[in-house]
Amino acid sequence: MLIFFMALFFIVLFICIFLWGYEYHSQKKQVVAAYSLSLNEKNRLKDGDILLRHGYGFVSDMIVKTLNDSTGISHCAILTKENNKWIVIHSVSSTLSAVDGIQSQNLDEFVNQSKKNSFVVIRYKRLNDSDRCKIGTRAQYYLQKKIPFDNAFNIHDTASFYCSELIWKIFKDEFQIDIFDSKLSSAKYDYLKFDIFLDTTNYQIVIDHRIKKD
């Protein structure tokens, strides 16, 4: 029994050291990258745009590998304005953030937390600018409600939201549009993938850093 607990202790210790080292090196890469949008790119943004990225850290890398949908994306968020400044509203687990669930941060910080050449901005085509502004307004509504993160990734339980579930719910609320309509009847985890956001039938790709060479 003692040998079992000692072995378990060393396994847990190894995992902790591995994860600490992984996060440490990820943070160093983030600092060196100093990732940002140009002024020209910021001028192309509109309220209600959807932001996609591959974040730093073990969890983000595992999301990309597990989903294996060729996009290289691990997270999505909504862009809107508050006091005439761009803010990002998104849902993040407490394992990655001091706040569990829906939260906001400034745009520059969100971009800097993205891996270099992973950032994408998309815009839903089938709405005018006035209607798209409702996306940000509804996101701020859920921000005020302090909706927690959906760790079960259950899209049928709307008491909590994972990142793309928040966007899905907003489109259902405001426009009666089911952006995952083609995914829900597919394989169990298909509706977790980000490839649907790069379907140019429904979305305009406004900025795509994935095609940059440096």
C-alpha atoms as a PDB file:
ATOM      1  CA  MET A   1       0.000   0.000   0.000  1.00  0.00           C
ATOM      2  CA  LEU A   2       2.850   2.371   0.855  1.00  0.00           C
ATOM      3  CA  ILE A   3       4.494   1.647  -2.505  1.00  0.00           C
ATOM      4  CA  PHE A   4       1.205   2.429  -4.253  1.00  0.00           C
ATOM      5  CA  PHE A   5       0.856   5.833  -2.561  1.00  0.00           C
ATOM      6  CA  MET A   6       4.502   6.667  -3.209  1.00  0.00           C
ATOM      7  CA  ALA A   7       4.080   5.798  -6.889  1.00  0.00           C
ATOM      8  CA  LEU A   8       0.887   7.883  -7.045  1.00  0.00           C
ATOM      9  CA  PHE A   9       2.661  10.800  -5.380  1.00  0.00           C
ATOM     10  CA  PHE A  10       5.511  10.763  -7.905  1.00  0.00           C
ATOM     11  CA  ILE A  11       3.067  10.499 -10.830  1.00  0.00           C
ATOM     12  CA  VAL A  12       1.126  13.525  -9.585  1.00  0.00           C
ATOM     13  CA  LEU A  13       4.375  15.385  -8.910  1.00  0.00           C
ATOM     14  CA  PHE A  14       5.598  14.640 -12.439  1.00  0.00           C
ATOM     15  CA  ILE A  15       2.327  15.879 -13.961  1.00  0.00           C
ATOM     16  CA  CYS A  16       2.465  19.081 -11.894  1.00  0.00           C
ATOM     17  CA  ILE A  17       6.081  19.748 -12.896  1.00  0.00           C
ATOM     18  CA  PHE A  18       5.257  19.049 -16.547  1.00  0.00           C
ATOM     19  CA  LEU A  19       2.262  21.409 -16.554  1.00  0.00           C
ATOM     20  CA  TRP A  20       4.186  24.120 -14.709  1.00  0.00           C
ATOM     21  CA  GLY A  21       7.025  23.893 -17.211  1.00  0.00           C
ATOM     22  CA  TYR A  22       4.614  23.927 -20.146  1.00  0.00           C
ATOM     23  CA  GLU A  23       2.843  27.054 -18.900  1.00  0.00           C
ATOM     24  CA  TYR A  24       6.128  28.758 -18.008  1.00  0.00           C
ATOM     25  CA  HIS A  25       7.522  28.320 -21.515  1.00  0.00           C
ATOM     26  CA  SER A  26       4.181  29.352 -23.048  1.00  0.00           C
ATOM     27  CA  GLN A  27       4.219  32.587 -21.058  1.00  0.00           C
ATOM     28  CA  LYS A  28       7.791  33.314 -22.164  1.00  0.00           C
ATOM     29  CA  LYS A  29       6.765  32.859 -25.796  1.00  0.00           C
ATOM     30  CA  GLN A  30       3.833  35.228 -25.296  1.00  0.00           C
ATOM     31  CA  VAL A  31       6.057  37.951 -23.856  1.00  0.00           C
ATOM     32  CA  VAL A  32       8.540  37.637 -26.714  1.00  0.00           C
ATOM     33  CA  ALA A  33       5.837  37.634 -29.407  1.00  0.00           C
ATOM     34  CA  ALA A  34       4.192  40.937 -28.299  1.00  0.00           C
ATOM     35  CA  TYR A  35       1.321  40.207 -30.675  1.00  0.00           C
ATOM     36  CA  SER A  36      -0.975  43.066 -31.761  1.00  0.00           C
ATOM     37  CA  LEU A  37      -3.245  44.380 -34.498  1.00  0.00           C
ATOM     38  CA  SER A  38      -2.149  47.231 -36.738  1.00  0.00           C
ATOM     39  CA  LEU A  39      -4.055  50.514 -36.747  1.00  0.00           C
ATOM     40  CA  ASN A  40      -5.333  49.704 -40.227  1.00  0.00           C
ATOM     41  CA  GLU A  41      -6.693  46.370 -39.004  1.00  0.00           C
ATOM     42  CA  LYS A  42      -8.391  47.995 -36.021  1.00  0.00           C
ATOM     43  CA  ASN A  43     -10.098  50.442 -38.358  1.00  0.00           C
ATOM     44  CA  ARG A  44     -11.697  47.503 -40.182  1.00  0.00           C
ATOM     45  CA  LEU A  45     -13.372  46.146 -37.052  1.00  0.00           C
ATOM     46  CA  LYS A  46     -17.106  46.443 -36.400  1.00  0.00           C
ATOM     47  CA  ASP A  47     -19.318  45.907 -33.367  1.00  0.00           C
ATOM     48  CA  GLY A  48     -20.544  42.324 -33.308  1.00  0.00           C
ATOM     49  CA  ASP A  49     -17.498  40.821 -35.026  1.00  0.00           C
ATOM     50  CA  ILE A  50     -16.417  37.375 -33.846  1.00  0.00           C
ATOM     51  CA  LEU A  51     -12.795  36.811 -32.830  1.00  0.00           C
ATOM     52  CA  LEU A  52     -10.988  33.487 -33.192  1.00  0.00           C
ATOM     53  CA  ARG A  53      -7.562  32.578 -31.881  1.00  0.00           C
ATOM     54  CA  HIS A  54      -5.197  29.871 -30.698  1.00  0.00           C
ATOM     55  CA  GLY A  55      -4.323  30.792 -27.126  1.00  0.00           C
ATOM     56  CA  TYR A  56      -1.177  30.002 -25.176  1.00  0.00           C
ATOM     57  CA  GLY A  57      -0.830  27.119 -22.758  1.00  0.00           C
ATOM     58  CA  PHE A  58      -1.416  23.402 -22.419  1.00  0.00           C
ATOM     59  CA  VAL A  59      -5.230  23.560 -22.472  1.00  0.00           C
ATOM     60  CA  SER A  60      -5.348  25.621 -25.673  1.00  0.00           C
ATOM     61  CA  ASP A  61      -2.914  23.283 -27.407  1.00  0.00           C
ATOM     62  CA  MET A  62      -4.907  20.233 -26.323  1.00  0.00           C
ATOM     63  CA  ILE A  63      -8.147  21.778 -27.618  1.00  0.00           C
ATOM     64  CA  VAL A  64      -6.585  22.244 -31.047  1.00  0.00           C
ATOM     65  CA  LYS A  65      -5.198  18.698 -31.091  1.00  0.00           C
ATOM     66  CA  THR A  66      -8.408  17.122 -29.797  1.00  0.00           C
ATOM     67  CA  LEU A  67     -10.761  18.941 -32.172  1.00  0.00           C
ATOM     68  CA  ASN A  68      -8.430  18.333 -35.114  1.00  0.00           C
ATOM     69  CA  ASP A  69     -10.585  20.485 -37.408  1.00  0.00           C
ATOM     70  CA  SER A  70      -7.683  22.008 -39.386  1.00  0.00           C
ATOM     71  CA  THR A  71      -8.477  25.576 -38.252  1.00  0.00           C
ATOM     72  CA  GLY A  72      -5.821  25.752 -35.523  1.00  0.00           C
ATOM     73  CA  ILE A  73      -8.342  27.653 -33.379  1.00  0.00           C
ATOM     74  CA  SER A  74      -8.855  27.015 -29.650  1.00  0.00           C
ATOM     75  CA  HIS A  75     -11.104  29.906 -28.582  1.00  0.00           C
ATOM     76  CA  CYS A  76     -13.689  32.415 -29.800  1.00  0.00           C
ATOM     77  CA  ALA A  77     -15.109  35.692 -28.491  1.00  0.00           C
ATOM     78  CA  ILE A  78     -17.324  38.656 -29.341  1.00  0.00           C
ATOM     79  CA  LEU A  79     -16.120  42.175 -30.075  1.00  0.00           C
ATOM     80  CA  THR A  80     -18.173  45.160 -28.916  1.00  0.00           C
ATOM     81  CA  LYS A  81     -17.729  48.694 -27.587  1.00  0.00           C
ATOM     82  CA  GLU A  82     -17.933  50.043 -24.057  1.00  0.00           C
ATOM     83  CA  ASN A  83     -17.377  53.760 -23.417  1.00  0.00           C
ATOM     84  CA  ASN A  84     -16.329  54.054 -27.063  1.00  0.00           C
ATOM     85  CA  LYS A  85     -13.507  51.517 -26.615  1.00  0.00           C
ATOM     86  CA  TRP A  86     -13.242  48.004 -28.015  1.00  0.00           C
ATOM     87  CA  ILE A  87     -13.765  45.228 -25.500  1.00  0.00           C
ATOM     88  CA  VAL A  88     -13.891  41.476 -25.908  1.00  0.00           C
ATOM     89  CA  ILE A  89     -16.573  39.364 -24.213  1.00  0.00           C
ATOM     90  CA  HIS A  90     -15.965  35.634 -23.917  1.00  0.00           C
ATOM     91  CA  SER A  91     -16.453  32.632 -21.646  1.00  0.00           C
ATOM     92  CA  VAL A  92     -13.397  31.103 -19.954  1.00  0.00           C
ATOM     93  CA  SER A  93     -13.041  28.316 -17.410  1.00  0.00           C
ATOM     94  CA  SER A  94     -11.781  29.115 -13.909  1.00  0.00           C
ATOM     95  CA  THR A  95      -8.918  26.687 -14.603  1.00  0.00           C
ATOM     96  CA  LEU A  96      -7.536  29.333 -16.974  1.00  0.00           C
ATOM     97  CA  SER A  97      -8.849  32.564 -15.507  1.00  0.00           C
ATOM     98  CA  ALA A  98      -9.442  34.287 -12.185  1.00  0.00           C
ATOM     99  CA  VAL A  99     -13.075  34.730 -13.278  1.00  0.00           C
ATOM    100  CA  ASP A 100     -15.175  31.702 -14.151  1.00  0.00           C
ATOM    101  CA  GLY A 101     -17.430  32.053 -17.168  1.00  0.00           C
ATOM    102  CA  ILE A 102     -18.360  35.160 -19.112  1.00  0.00           C
ATOM    103  CA  GLN A 103     -15.930  38.038 -18.701  1.00  0.00           C
ATOM    104  CA  SER A 104     -14.554  41.011 -20.593  1.00  0.00           C
ATOM    105  CA  GLN A 105     -11.112  42.351 -21.371  1.00  0.00           C
ATOM    106  CA  ASN A 106      -9.627  44.970 -23.645  1.00  0.00           C
ATOM    107  CA  LEU A 107      -8.905  44.056 -27.237  1.00  0.00           C
ATOM    108  CA  ASP A 108      -5.128  44.561 -27.103  1.00  0.00           C
ATOM    109  CA  GLU A 109      -4.783  42.174 -24.166  1.00  0.00           C
ATOM    110  CA  PHE A 110      -6.926  39.548 -25.886  1.00  0.00           C
ATOM    111  CA  VAL A 111      -4.853  39.727 -29.067  1.00  0.00           C
ATOM    112  CA  ASN A 112      -1.576  39.565 -27.117  1.00  0.00           C
ATOM    113  CA  GLN A 113      -2.791  36.344 -25.489  1.00  0.00           C
ATOM    114  CA  SER A 114      -3.136  34.791 -28.947  1.00  0.00           C
ATOM    115  CA  LYS A 115      -0.363  32.774 -30.550  1.00  0.00           C
ATOM    116  CA  LYS A 116       1.323  34.695 -33.314  1.00  0.00           C
ATOM    117  CA  ASN A 117      -0.342  34.289 -36.722  1.00  0.00           C
ATOM    118  CA  SER A 118      -3.403  32.568 -35.231  1.00  0.00           C
ATOM    119  CA  PHE A 119      -5.801  35.534 -34.941  1.00  0.00           C
ATOM    120  CA  VAL A 120      -8.911  35.689 -37.144  1.00  0.00           C
ATOM    121  CA  VAL A 121     -11.812  38.167 -37.264  1.00  0.00           C
ATOM    122  CA  ILE A 122     -15.046  37.098 -38.926  1.00  0.00           C
ATOM    123  CA  ARG A 123     -18.364  38.834 -39.554  1.00  0.00           C
ATOM    124  CA  TYR A 124     -21.773  37.217 -40.054  1.00  0.00           C
ATOM    125  CA  LYS A 125     -22.899  38.134 -43.568  1.00  0.00           C
ATOM    126  CA  ARG A 126     -26.669  37.851 -43.226  1.00  0.00           C
ATOM    127  CA  LEU A 127     -27.080  40.844 -40.899  1.00  0.00           C
ATOM    128  CA  ASN A 128     -26.667  44.571 -41.437  1.00  0.00           C
ATOM    129  CA  ASP A 129     -24.440  46.698 -39.180  1.00  0.00           C
ATOM    130  CA  SER A 130     -27.362  47.737 -36.977  1.00  0.00           C
ATOM    131  CA  ASP A 131     -28.404  44.141 -36.342  1.00  0.00           C
ATOM    132  CA  ARG A 132     -24.827  43.008 -35.746  1.00  0.00           C
ATOM    133  CA  CYS A 133     -24.560  45.564 -32.931  1.00  0.00           C
ATOM    134  CA  LYS A 134     -27.218  43.518 -31.127  1.00  0.00           C
ATOM    135  CA  ILE A 135     -24.668  40.703 -30.813  1.00  0.00           C
ATOM    136  CA  GLY A 136     -22.471  42.852 -28.575  1.00  0.00           C
ATOM    137  CA  THR A 137     -25.452  44.190 -26.643  1.00  0.00           C
ATOM    138  CA  ARG A 138     -26.665  40.670 -25.906  1.00  0.00           C
ATOM    139  CA  ALA A 139     -23.137  39.613 -24.937  1.00  0.00           C
ATOM    140  CA  GLN A 140     -23.043  42.451 -22.405  1.00  0.00           C
ATOM    141  CA  TYR A 141     -26.388  41.236 -21.057  1.00  0.00           C
ATOM    142  CA  TYR A 142     -24.923  37.802 -20.357  1.00  0.00           C
ATOM    143  CA  LEU A 143     -21.798  39.425 -18.934  1.00  0.00           C
ATOM    144  CA  GLN A 144     -23.971  41.204 -16.371  1.00  0.00           C
ATOM    145  CA  LYS A 145     -25.730  37.909 -15.574  1.00  0.00           C
ATOM    146  CA  LYS A 146     -22.331  36.376 -14.696  1.00  0.00           C
ATOM    147  CA  ILE A 147     -23.073  33.128 -16.527  1.00  0.00           C
ATOM    148  CA  PRO A 148     -20.540  30.440 -15.474  1.00  0.00           C
ATOM    149  CA  PHE A 149     -18.423  28.330 -17.804  1.00  0.00           C
ATOM    150  CA  ASP A 150     -19.972  25.138 -19.136  1.00  0.00           C
ATOM    151  CA  ASN A 151     -17.423  22.508 -18.114  1.00  0.00           C
ATOM    152  CA  ALA A 152     -19.758  19.752 -19.322  1.00  0.00           C
ATOM    153  CA  PHE A 153     -19.825  21.275 -22.842  1.00  0.00           C
ATOM    154  CA  ASN A 154     -23.539  20.562 -22.977  1.00  0.00           C
ATOM    155  CA  ILE A 155     -25.140  22.863 -25.518  1.00  0.00           C
ATOM    156  CA  HIS A 156     -28.615  21.728 -24.462  1.00  0.00           C
ATOM    157  CA  ASP A 157     -28.152  23.142 -20.941  1.00  0.00           C
ATOM    158  CA  THR A 158     -28.037  26.922 -21.232  1.00  0.00           C
ATOM    159  CA  ALA A 159     -27.422  27.675 -17.546  1.00  0.00           C
ATOM    160  CA  SER A 160     -23.725  27.886 -18.406  1.00  0.00           C
ATOM    161  CA  PHE A 161     -21.793  28.572 -21.619  1.00  0.00           C
ATOM    162  CA  TYR A 162     -18.529  27.469 -23.168  1.00  0.00           C
ATOM    163  CA  CYS A 163     -17.000  29.967 -25.609  1.00  0.00           C
ATOM    164  CA  SER A 164     -18.799  29.088 -28.864  1.00  0.00           C
ATOM    165  CA  GLU A 165     -21.998  28.213 -26.987  1.00  0.00           C
ATOM    166  CA  LEU A 166     -22.228  31.874 -25.939  1.00  0.00           C
ATOM    167  CA  ILE A 167     -22.223  32.947 -29.596  1.00  0.00           C
ATOM    168  CA  TRP A 168     -24.733  30.227 -30.506  1.00  0.00           C
ATOM    169  CA  LYS A 169     -27.101  31.375 -27.740  1.00  0.00           C
ATOM    170  CA  ILE A 170     -26.879  35.040 -28.745  1.00  0.00           C
ATOM    171  CA  PHE A 171     -27.802  34.247 -32.353  1.00  0.00           C
ATOM    172  CA  LYS A 172     -30.705  32.102 -31.128  1.00  0.00           C
ATOM    173  CA  ASP A 173     -31.914  34.869 -28.785  1.00  0.00           C
ATOM    174  CA  GLU A 174     -31.637  37.821 -31.128  1.00  0.00           C
ATOM    175  CA  PHE A 175     -32.165  36.446 -34.620  1.00  0.00           C
ATOM    176  CA  GLN A 176     -33.638  32.939 -34.198  1.00  0.00           C
ATOM    177  CA  ILE A 177     -30.641  31.645 -36.152  1.00  0.00           C
ATOM    178  CA  ASP A 178     -29.058  28.318 -35.188  1.00  0.00           C
ATOM    179  CA  ILE A 179     -25.438  28.688 -36.274  1.00  0.00           C
ATOM    180  CA  PHE A 180     -24.770  25.042 -35.326  1.00  0.00           C
ATOM    181  CA  ASP A 181     -27.771  23.674 -37.201  1.00  0.00           C
ATOM    182  CA  SER A 182     -25.651  21.396 -39.387  1.00  0.00           C
ATOM    183  CA  LYS A 183     -23.573  20.201 -36.424  1.00  0.00           C
ATOM    184  CA  LEU A 184     -26.118  19.207 -33.791  1.00  0.00           C
ATOM    185  CA  SER A 185     -27.210  16.035 -35.548  1.00  0.00           C
ATOM    186  CA  SER A 186     -23.628  14.975 -36.289  1.00  0.00           C
ATOM    187  CA  ALA A 187     -21.036  13.248 -34.119  1.00  0.00           C
ATOM    188  CA  LYS A 188     -21.142  14.088 -30.428  1.00  0.00           C
ATOM    189  CA  TYR A 189     -18.370  16.701 -30.381  1.00  0.00           C
ATOM    190  CA  ASP A 190     -18.779  18.168 -33.871  1.00  0.00           C
ATOM    191  CA  TYR A 191     -20.541  21.228 -32.503  1.00  0.00           C
ATOM    192  CA  LEU A 192     -17.439  22.067 -30.463  1.00  0.00           C
ATOM    193  CA  LYS A 193     -15.351  22.601 -33.581  1.00  0.00           C
ATOM    194  CA  PHE A 194     -14.543  26.039 -34.990  1.00  0.00           C
ATOM    195  CA  ASP A 195     -14.622  25.209 -38.704  1.00  0.00           C
ATOM    196  CA  ILE A 196     -18.216  26.410 -38.980  1.00  0.00           C
ATOM    197  CA  PHE A 197     -17.036  30.000 -38.372  1.00  0.00           C
ATOM    198  CA  LEU A 198     -14.794  29.849 -41.443  1.00  0.00           C
ATOM    199  CA  ASP A 199     -17.629  28.872 -43.766  1.00  0.00           C
ATOM    200  CA  THR A 200     -17.644  31.799 -46.204  1.00  0.00           C
ATOM    201  CA  THR A 201     -21.263  31.065 -47.106  1.00  0.00           C
ATOM    202  CA  ASN A 202     -22.297  32.685 -43.838  1.00  0.00           C
ATOM    203  CA  TYR A 203     -19.199  34.559 -42.648  1.00  0.00           C
ATOM    204  CA  GLN A 204     -16.939  37.201 -44.109  1.00  0.00           C
ATOM    205  CA  ILE A 205     -13.316  36.747 -43.084  1.00  0.00           C
ATOM    206  CA  VAL A 206     -12.266  40.295 -42.184  1.00  0.00           C
ATOM    207  CA  ILE A 207      -8.767  39.566 -40.849  1.00  0.00           C
ATOM    208  CA  ASP A 208      -6.891  36.287 -41.108  1.00  0.00           C
ATOM    209  CA  HIS A 209      -3.381  36.231 -39.683  1.00  0.00           C
ATOM    210  CA  ARG A 210      -3.039  32.520 -40.353  1.00  0.00           C
ATOM    211  CA  ILE A 211      -2.033  33.276 -43.937  1.00  0.00           C
ATOM    212  CA  LYS A 212       0.884  35.510 -42.909  1.00  0.00           C
ATOM    213  CA  LYS A 213       4.395  34.241 -43.477  1.00  0.00           C
ATOM    214  CA  ASP A 214       6.082  35.907 -40.464  1.00  0.00           C
END
